[in-house]
Amino acid sequence: MDNDVLEPYNPYTLFLIFVLLLLASGRDCDQKLDFLGSLIQATQTSVQSMRRGLETLQAGFRPARPNA
């Protein structure tokens, strides 16, 4: 398992610390976490949909190429 994500100067670690500090500074932390979770889930769904669309588009182009 790669532990590069937990290194102190990794951008992902710094972003996670930043988000946690922002969430901890307010009183409505639960609402912010719910919003962040739904935002991440919506982003994941969008990326998966785009990936499937691009794969379908690429599969449609394969028969059009003569030497593929």
PDB file of N, CA and C in Angstrom:
ATOM      1  N   MET A   1       0.832  -1.174   0.000  1.00  0.00           N
ATOM      2  CA  MET A   1       0.000   0.000   0.000  1.00  0.00           C
ATOM      3  C   MET A   1       0.875   1.236   0.000  1.00  0.00           C
ATOM      4  N   ASP A   2       0.506   2.223  -0.776  1.00  0.00           N
ATOM      5  CA  ASP A   2       1.293   3.426  -0.937  1.00  0.00           C
ATOM      6  C   ASP A   2       0.884   4.462   0.103  1.00  0.00           C
ATOM      7  N   ASN A   3       1.835   4.923   0.898  1.00  0.00           N
ATOM      8  CA  ASN A   3       1.536   5.884   1.960  1.00  0.00           C
ATOM      9  C   ASN A   3       1.871   7.314   1.565  1.00  0.00           C
ATOM     10  N   ASP A   4       2.006   7.603   0.259  1.00  0.00           N
ATOM     11  CA  ASP A   4       2.328   8.957  -0.184  1.00  0.00           C
ATOM     12  C   ASP A   4       1.229   9.951   0.150  1.00  0.00           C
ATOM     13  N   VAL A   5       0.001   9.486   0.288  1.00  0.00           N
ATOM     14  CA  VAL A   5      -1.119  10.390   0.554  1.00  0.00           C
ATOM     15  C   VAL A   5      -1.002  11.018   1.935  1.00  0.00           C
ATOM     16  N   LEU A   6      -0.394  10.330   2.878  1.00  0.00           N
ATOM     17  CA  LEU A   6      -0.330  10.827   4.248  1.00  0.00           C
ATOM     18  C   LEU A   6       0.958  11.582   4.545  1.00  0.00           C
ATOM     19  N   GLU A   7       1.785  11.855   3.545  1.00  0.00           N
ATOM     20  CA  GLU A   7       2.988  12.651   3.768  1.00  0.00           C
ATOM     21  C   GLU A   7       2.584  14.080   4.108  1.00  0.00           C
ATOM     22  N   PRO A   8       3.358  14.760   4.954  1.00  0.00           N
ATOM     23  CA  PRO A   8       2.932  16.075   5.436  1.00  0.00           C
ATOM     24  C   PRO A   8       2.810  17.153   4.357  1.00  0.00           C
ATOM     25  N   TYR A   9       3.562  17.090   3.290  1.00  0.00           N
ATOM     26  CA  TYR A   9       3.520  18.143   2.270  1.00  0.00           C
ATOM     27  C   TYR A   9       2.809  17.714   1.000  1.00  0.00           C
ATOM     28  N   ASN A  10       2.117  16.606   1.056  1.00  0.00           N
ATOM     29  CA  ASN A  10       1.320  16.165  -0.081  1.00  0.00           C
ATOM     30  C   ASN A  10       0.129  17.113  -0.228  1.00  0.00           C
ATOM     31  N   PRO A  11      -0.180  17.569  -1.457  1.00  0.00           N
ATOM     32  CA  PRO A  11      -1.304  18.502  -1.627  1.00  0.00           C
ATOM     33  C   PRO A  11      -2.636  17.942  -1.134  1.00  0.00           C
ATOM     34  N   TYR A  12      -2.845  16.650  -1.269  1.00  0.00           N
ATOM     35  CA  TYR A  12      -4.095  16.051  -0.812  1.00  0.00           C
ATOM     36  C   TYR A  12      -4.202  16.106   0.714  1.00  0.00           C
ATOM     37  N   THR A  13      -3.094  15.870   1.390  1.00  0.00           N
ATOM     38  CA  THR A  13      -3.103  15.952   2.845  1.00  0.00           C
ATOM     39  C   THR A  13      -3.362  17.378   3.300  1.00  0.00           C
ATOM     40  N   LEU A  14      -2.718  18.332   2.650  1.00  0.00           N
ATOM     41  CA  LEU A  14      -2.921  19.734   3.014  1.00  0.00           C
ATOM     42  C   LEU A  14      -4.360  20.168   2.745  1.00  0.00           C
ATOM     43  N   PHE A  15      -4.938  19.702   1.638  1.00  0.00           N
ATOM     44  CA  PHE A  15      -6.335  20.030   1.337  1.00  0.00           C
ATOM     45  C   PHE A  15      -7.268  19.430   2.378  1.00  0.00           C
ATOM     46  N   LEU A  16      -7.004  18.187   2.764  1.00  0.00           N
ATOM     47  CA  LEU A  16      -7.830  17.535   3.782  1.00  0.00           C
ATOM     48  C   LEU A  16      -7.753  18.289   5.110  1.00  0.00           C
ATOM     49  N   ILE A  17      -6.562  18.703   5.491  1.00  0.00           N
ATOM     50  CA  ILE A  17      -6.412  19.471   6.728  1.00  0.00           C
ATOM     51  C   ILE A  17      -7.171  20.791   6.626  1.00  0.00           C
ATOM     52  N   PHE A  18      -7.083  21.456   5.476  1.00  0.00           N
ATOM     53  CA  PHE A  18      -7.786  22.716   5.262  1.00  0.00           C
ATOM     54  C   PHE A  18      -9.298  22.524   5.392  1.00  0.00           C
ATOM     55  N   VAL A  19      -9.823  21.487   4.761  1.00  0.00           N
ATOM     56  CA  VAL A  19     -11.263  21.226   4.825  1.00  0.00           C
ATOM     57  C   VAL A  19     -11.694  20.914   6.243  1.00  0.00           C
ATOM     58  N   LEU A  20     -10.921  20.110   6.941  1.00  0.00           N
ATOM     59  CA  LEU A  20     -11.272  19.772   8.325  1.00  0.00           C
ATOM     60  C   LEU A  20     -11.233  21.001   9.228  1.00  0.00           C
ATOM     61  N   LEU A  21     -10.277  21.892   9.012  1.00  0.00           N
ATOM     62  CA  LEU A  21     -10.229  23.123   9.802  1.00  0.00           C
ATOM     63  C   LEU A  21     -11.430  24.014   9.510  1.00  0.00           C
ATOM     64  N   LEU A  22     -11.818  24.109   8.249  1.00  0.00           N
ATOM     65  CA  LEU A  22     -13.000  24.891   7.905  1.00  0.00           C
ATOM     66  C   LEU A  22     -14.257  24.310   8.536  1.00  0.00           C
ATOM     67  N   LEU A  23     -14.370  23.000   8.505  1.00  0.00           N
ATOM     68  CA  LEU A  23     -15.544  22.359   9.073  1.00  0.00           C
ATOM     69  C   LEU A  23     -15.587  22.516  10.594  1.00  0.00           C
ATOM     70  N   ALA A  24     -14.433  22.481  11.220  1.00  0.00           N
ATOM     71  CA  ALA A  24     -14.388  22.565  12.673  1.00  0.00           C
ATOM     72  C   ALA A  24     -14.630  23.985  13.182  1.00  0.00           C
ATOM     73  N   SER A  25     -14.483  24.976  12.328  1.00  0.00           N
ATOM     74  CA  SER A  25     -14.600  26.356  12.799  1.00  0.00           C
ATOM     75  C   SER A  25     -16.053  26.807  12.961  1.00  0.00           C
ATOM     76  N   GLY A  26     -16.998  26.083  12.397  1.00  0.00           N
ATOM     77  CA  GLY A  26     -18.400  26.492  12.489  1.00  0.00           C
ATOM     78  C   GLY A  26     -19.201  25.604  13.407  1.00  0.00           C
ATOM     79  N   ARG A  27     -20.397  26.074  13.722  1.00  0.00           N
ATOM     80  CA  ARG A  27     -21.271  25.300  14.601  1.00  0.00           C
ATOM     81  C   ARG A  27     -22.101  24.275  13.831  1.00  0.00           C
ATOM     82  N   ASP A  28     -22.315  24.536  12.555  1.00  0.00           N
ATOM     83  CA  ASP A  28     -23.139  23.635  11.751  1.00  0.00           C
ATOM     84  C   ASP A  28     -22.269  22.640  10.983  1.00  0.00           C
ATOM     85  N   CYS A  29     -21.379  21.990  11.702  1.00  0.00           N
ATOM     86  CA  CYS A  29     -20.417  21.059  11.107  1.00  0.00           C
ATOM     87  C   CYS A  29     -21.120  19.883  10.430  1.00  0.00           C
ATOM     88  N   ASP A  30     -22.179  19.363  11.013  1.00  0.00           N
ATOM     89  CA  ASP A  30     -22.895  18.226  10.425  1.00  0.00           C
ATOM     90  C   ASP A  30     -23.497  18.582   9.071  1.00  0.00           C
ATOM     91  N   GLN A  31     -24.057  19.771   8.967  1.00  0.00           N
ATOM     92  CA  GLN A  31     -24.629  20.204   7.694  1.00  0.00           C
ATOM     93  C   GLN A  31     -23.548  20.363   6.638  1.00  0.00           C
ATOM     94  N   LYS A  32     -22.398  20.892   7.032  1.00  0.00           N
ATOM     95  CA  LYS A  32     -21.296  21.063   6.085  1.00  0.00           C
ATOM     96  C   LYS A  32     -20.764  19.720   5.616  1.00  0.00           C
ATOM     97  N   LEU A  33     -20.668  18.758   6.543  1.00  0.00           N
ATOM     98  CA  LEU A  33     -20.204  17.427   6.159  1.00  0.00           C
ATOM     99  C   LEU A  33     -21.194  16.741   5.222  1.00  0.00           C
ATOM    100  N   ASP A  34     -22.473  16.897   5.491  1.00  0.00           N
ATOM    101  CA  ASP A  34     -23.489  16.335   4.601  1.00  0.00           C
ATOM    102  C   ASP A  34     -23.392  16.951   3.212  1.00  0.00           C
ATOM    103  N   PHE A  35     -23.223  18.282   3.170  1.00  0.00           N
ATOM    104  CA  PHE A  35     -23.087  18.966   1.885  1.00  0.00           C
ATOM    105  C   PHE A  35     -21.835  18.505   1.155  1.00  0.00           C
ATOM    106  N   LEU A  36     -20.715  18.398   1.871  1.00  0.00           N
ATOM    107  CA  LEU A  36     -19.469  17.952   1.264  1.00  0.00           C
ATOM    108  C   LEU A  36     -19.597  16.526   0.742  1.00  0.00           C
ATOM    109  N   GLY A  37     -20.253  15.664   1.505  1.00  0.00           N
ATOM    110  CA  GLY A  37     -20.462  14.286   1.052  1.00  0.00           C
ATOM    111  C   GLY A  37     -21.318  14.215  -0.189  1.00  0.00           C
ATOM    112  N   SER A  38     -22.387  15.011  -0.232  1.00  0.00           N
ATOM    113  CA  SER A  38     -23.235  14.997  -1.428  1.00  0.00           C
ATOM    114  C   SER A  38     -22.518  15.608  -2.622  1.00  0.00           C
ATOM    115  N   LEU A  39     -21.676  16.598  -2.384  1.00  0.00           N
ATOM    116  CA  LEU A  39     -20.894  17.197  -3.467  1.00  0.00           C
ATOM    117  C   LEU A  39     -19.910  16.193  -4.048  1.00  0.00           C
ATOM    118  N   ILE A  40     -19.231  15.454  -3.187  1.00  0.00           N
ATOM    119  CA  ILE A  40     -18.279  14.440  -3.648  1.00  0.00           C
ATOM    120  C   ILE A  40     -19.004  13.328  -4.391  1.00  0.00           C
ATOM    121  N   GLN A  41     -20.149  12.915  -3.903  1.00  0.00           N
ATOM    122  CA  GLN A  41     -20.914  11.864  -4.571  1.00  0.00           C
ATOM    123  C   GLN A  41     -21.415  12.326  -5.935  1.00  0.00           C
ATOM    124  N   ALA A  42     -21.881  13.568  -6.025  1.00  0.00           N
ATOM    125  CA  ALA A  42     -22.346  14.099  -7.305  1.00  0.00           C
ATOM    126  C   ALA A  42     -21.188  14.215  -8.293  1.00  0.00           C
ATOM    127  N   THR A  43     -20.021  14.604  -7.809  1.00  0.00           N
ATOM    128  CA  THR A  43     -18.844  14.687  -8.671  1.00  0.00           C
ATOM    129  C   THR A  43     -18.451  13.305  -9.172  1.00  0.00           C
ATOM    130  N   GLN A  44     -18.491  12.321  -8.296  1.00  0.00           N
ATOM    131  CA  GLN A  44     -18.148  10.956  -8.695  1.00  0.00           C
ATOM    132  C   GLN A  44     -19.127  10.445  -9.746  1.00  0.00           C
ATOM    133  N   THR A  45     -20.407  10.686  -9.555  1.00  0.00           N
ATOM    134  CA  THR A  45     -21.413  10.255 -10.514  1.00  0.00           C
ATOM    135  C   THR A  45     -21.207  10.934 -11.862  1.00  0.00           C
ATOM    136  N   SER A  46     -20.900  12.219 -11.845  1.00  0.00           N
ATOM    137  CA  SER A  46     -20.669  12.955 -13.085  1.00  0.00           C
ATOM    138  C   SER A  46     -19.454  12.431 -13.830  1.00  0.00           C
ATOM    139  N   VAL A  47     -18.379  12.175 -13.109  1.00  0.00           N
ATOM    140  CA  VAL A  47     -17.161  11.664 -13.744  1.00  0.00           C
ATOM    141  C   VAL A  47     -17.397  10.273 -14.319  1.00  0.00           C
ATOM    142  N   GLN A  48     -18.108   9.423 -13.588  1.00  0.00           N
ATOM    143  CA  GLN A  48     -18.405   8.080 -14.108  1.00  0.00           C
ATOM    144  C   GLN A  48     -19.266   8.163 -15.354  1.00  0.00           C
ATOM    145  N   SER A  49     -20.234   9.057 -15.365  1.00  0.00           N
ATOM    146  CA  SER A  49     -21.093   9.227 -16.529  1.00  0.00           C
ATOM    147  C   SER A  49     -20.297   9.723 -17.728  1.00  0.00           C
ATOM    148  N   MET A  50     -19.421  10.682 -17.497  1.00  0.00           N
ATOM    149  CA  MET A  50     -18.585  11.193 -18.589  1.00  0.00           C
ATOM    150  C   MET A  50     -17.663  10.100 -19.122  1.00  0.00           C
ATOM    151  N   ARG A  51     -17.107   9.298 -18.224  1.00  0.00           N
ATOM    152  CA  ARG A  51     -16.213   8.217 -18.645  1.00  0.00           C
ATOM    153  C   ARG A  51     -16.965   7.204 -19.505  1.00  0.00           C
ATOM    154  N   ARG A  52     -18.185   6.832 -19.075  1.00  0.00           N
ATOM    155  CA  ARG A  52     -18.976   5.892 -19.872  1.00  0.00           C
ATOM    156  C   ARG A  52     -19.311   6.480 -21.237  1.00  0.00           C
ATOM    157  N   GLY A  53     -19.639   7.767 -21.273  1.00  0.00           N
ATOM    158  CA  GLY A  53     -19.954   8.417 -22.540  1.00  0.00           C
ATOM    159  C   GLY A  53     -18.756   8.441 -23.469  1.00  0.00           C
ATOM    160  N   LEU A  54     -17.587   8.744 -22.922  1.00  0.00           N
ATOM    161  CA  LEU A  54     -16.379   8.758 -23.753  1.00  0.00           C
ATOM    162  C   LEU A  54     -16.022   7.357 -24.241  1.00  0.00           C
ATOM    163  N   GLU A  55     -16.212   6.350 -23.395  1.00  0.00           N
ATOM    164  CA  GLU A  55     -15.947   4.975 -23.823  1.00  0.00           C
ATOM    165  C   GLU A  55     -16.903   4.556 -24.932  1.00  0.00           C
ATOM    166  N   THR A  56     -18.168   4.958 -24.830  1.00  0.00           N
ATOM    167  CA  THR A  56     -19.144   4.654 -25.878  1.00  0.00           C
ATOM    168  C   THR A  56     -18.790   5.375 -27.167  1.00  0.00           C
ATOM    169  N   LEU A  57     -18.382   6.625 -27.054  1.00  0.00           N
ATOM    170  CA  LEU A  57     -17.984   7.395 -28.226  1.00  0.00           C
ATOM    171  C   LEU A  57     -16.763   6.766 -28.891  1.00  0.00           C
ATOM    172  N   GLN A  58     -15.791   6.365 -28.091  1.00  0.00           N
ATOM    173  CA  GLN A  58     -14.585   5.727 -28.627  1.00  0.00           C
ATOM    174  C   GLN A  58     -14.932   4.389 -29.288  1.00  0.00           C
ATOM    175  N   ALA A  59     -15.828   3.623 -28.681  1.00  0.00           N
ATOM    176  CA  ALA A  59     -16.233   2.344 -29.277  1.00  0.00           C
ATOM    177  C   ALA A  59     -16.942   2.577 -30.608  1.00  0.00           C
ATOM    178  N   GLY A  60     -17.670   3.677 -30.728  1.00  0.00           N
ATOM    179  CA  GLY A  60     -18.336   3.996 -31.985  1.00  0.00           C
ATOM    180  C   GLY A  60     -17.354   4.389 -33.066  1.00  0.00           C
ATOM    181  N   PHE A  61     -16.224   4.965 -32.687  1.00  0.00           N
ATOM    182  CA  PHE A  61     -15.220   5.370 -33.660  1.00  0.00           C
ATOM    183  C   PHE A  61     -14.361   4.206 -34.140  1.00  0.00           C
ATOM    184  N   ARG A  62     -14.264   3.146 -33.369  1.00  0.00           N
ATOM    185  CA  ARG A  62     -13.397   2.025 -33.727  1.00  0.00           C
ATOM    186  C   ARG A  62     -13.749   1.410 -35.090  1.00  0.00           C
ATOM    187  N   PRO A  63     -15.018   1.154 -35.403  1.00  0.00           N
ATOM    188  CA  PRO A  63     -15.302   0.552 -36.714  1.00  0.00           C
ATOM    189  C   PRO A  63     -15.003   1.507 -37.875  1.00  0.00           C
ATOM    190  N   ALA A  64     -14.936   2.790 -37.632  1.00  0.00           N
ATOM    191  CA  ALA A  64     -14.697   3.758 -38.704  1.00  0.00           C
ATOM    192  C   ALA A  64     -13.235   3.820 -39.099  1.00  0.00           C
ATOM    193  N   ARG A  65     -12.329   3.384 -38.216  1.00  0.00           N
ATOM    194  CA  ARG A  65     -10.902   3.416 -38.535  1.00  0.00           C
ATOM    195  C   ARG A  65     -10.534   2.147 -39.307  1.00  0.00           C
ATOM    196  N   PRO A  66      -9.884   2.275 -40.455  1.00  0.00           N
ATOM    197  CA  PRO A  66      -9.593   1.101 -41.292  1.00  0.00           C
ATOM    198  C   PRO A  66      -8.531   0.172 -40.715  1.00  0.00           C
ATOM    199  N   ASN A  67      -7.527   0.659 -40.031  1.00  0.00           N
ATOM    200  CA  ASN A  67      -6.419  -0.193 -39.569  1.00  0.00           C
ATOM    201  C   ASN A  67      -6.423  -0.404 -38.073  1.00  0.00           C
ATOM    202  N   ALA A  68      -7.536  -0.287 -37.415  1.00  0.00           N
ATOM    203  CA  ALA A  68      -7.574  -0.419 -35.952  1.00  0.00           C
ATOM    204  C   ALA A  68      -7.951  -1.824 -35.553  1.00  0.00           C
TER     205      ALA A  68
END
